[in-house]
Amino acid sequence: MAFTETWLSEKVPDNFIQIEGFSHLRLDRDANSGKTRGGWCINIKDGWCRNFAVRDKICNPDLELLCYPAATLSAQGIHQHI
């Protein structure tokens, strides 16, 4: 599940947005963005994929980008190359 316009900030702890049975990645707006709203939160079902972590984040007035590699457990061999 992916959510946009979350309005999350560093003041909102991870456990506040945690959904049981899911892991999440988030991209909050920061001071560099020049904006106070926006942001992303991506929830990935536990057991559906492994070895995912944020590879890169960009948050500025013109762009919000959250990059992460992920391979489903059924994708034979792919996770070995990420």
Protein backbone atom coordinates (compact mmCIF):
# COMPACT_ATOMS: atom_id res chain seq x y z
CA MET A 1 0.00 0.00 0.00
CA ALA A 2 1.30 3.43 -0.85
CA PHE A 3 0.03 6.67 0.61
CA THR A 4 0.81 10.16 -0.64
CA GLU A 5 0.23 13.51 1.03
CA THR A 6 0.78 11.92 4.44
CA TRP A 7 1.74 15.17 6.18
CA LEU A 8 4.06 13.14 8.41
CA SER A 9 7.10 14.74 10.04
CA GLU A 10 9.89 13.68 12.37
CA LYS A 11 7.46 14.48 15.21
CA VAL A 12 5.36 11.42 14.26
CA PRO A 13 7.05 8.23 15.54
CA ASP A 14 7.12 5.06 13.42
CA ASN A 15 5.07 3.10 15.95
CA PHE A 16 2.22 5.58 15.50
CA ILE A 17 1.79 4.67 11.82
CA GLN A 18 2.75 0.98 12.05
CA ILE A 19 0.15 -1.41 10.58
CA GLU A 20 0.18 -4.92 12.03
CA GLY A 21 1.58 -7.43 9.54
CA PHE A 22 3.33 -4.76 7.43
CA SER A 23 6.71 -3.04 7.34
CA HIS A 24 6.89 0.51 6.10
CA LEU A 25 9.14 3.00 4.42
CA ARG A 26 8.43 6.69 4.70
CA LEU A 27 9.55 9.94 3.16
CA ASP A 28 8.57 12.92 5.27
CA ARG A 29 8.84 16.51 4.13
CA ASP A 30 11.82 18.22 5.68
CA ALA A 31 13.12 21.78 5.98
CA ASN A 32 14.95 21.43 2.63
CA SER A 33 11.66 20.95 0.78
CA GLY A 34 10.40 24.39 1.73
CA LYS A 35 6.95 22.86 2.28
CA THR A 36 5.14 21.51 5.33
CA ARG A 37 2.72 19.07 3.71
CA GLY A 38 3.13 16.11 1.38
CA GLY A 39 5.24 13.04 1.96
CA TRP A 40 5.01 9.32 1.22
CA CYS A 41 4.47 6.13 3.19
CA ILE A 42 4.77 2.69 1.60
CA ASN A 43 3.58 -0.40 3.49
CA ILE A 44 4.88 -3.81 2.42
CA LYS A 45 3.19 -6.96 3.72
CA ASP A 46 5.45 -9.04 5.95
CA GLY A 47 6.35 -12.30 4.26
CA TRP A 48 5.67 -10.90 0.78
CA CYS A 49 9.11 -9.51 0.16
CA ARG A 50 12.51 -9.32 1.81
CA ASN A 51 15.71 -7.33 1.65
CA PHE A 52 14.09 -3.97 1.12
CA ALA A 53 15.49 -0.76 2.46
CA VAL A 54 15.62 2.81 1.31
CA ARG A 55 18.35 3.20 -1.29
CA ASP A 56 17.88 6.91 -1.92
CA LYS A 57 15.64 9.78 -0.82
CA ILE A 58 15.17 13.15 -2.46
CA CYS A 59 12.87 15.78 -1.03
CA ASN A 60 12.98 19.32 -2.39
CA PRO A 61 10.41 21.92 -3.53
CA ASP A 62 10.11 20.26 -6.96
CA LEU A 63 10.44 16.53 -6.28
CA GLU A 64 9.75 13.80 -3.74
CA LEU A 65 11.53 10.55 -4.58
CA LEU A 66 11.82 7.37 -2.51
CA CYS A 67 13.89 4.57 -4.11
CA TYR A 68 13.99 1.08 -2.71
CA PRO A 69 14.78 -2.34 -4.17
CA ALA A 70 12.33 -5.11 -3.39
CA ALA A 71 11.84 -8.63 -4.70
CA THR A 72 8.93 -10.87 -3.88
CA LEU A 73 9.76 -14.17 -2.25
CA SER A 74 8.45 -15.91 -5.38
CA ALA A 75 10.95 -14.08 -7.63
CA GLN A 76 13.58 -16.82 -7.83
CA GLY A 77 17.14 -15.48 -7.82
CA ILE A 78 16.30 -11.80 -8.19
CA HIS A 79 16.95 -10.93 -4.54
CA GLN A 80 20.52 -12.21 -4.91
CA HIS A 81 21.34 -9.44 -7.41
CA ILE A 82 19.81 -6.46 -5.63
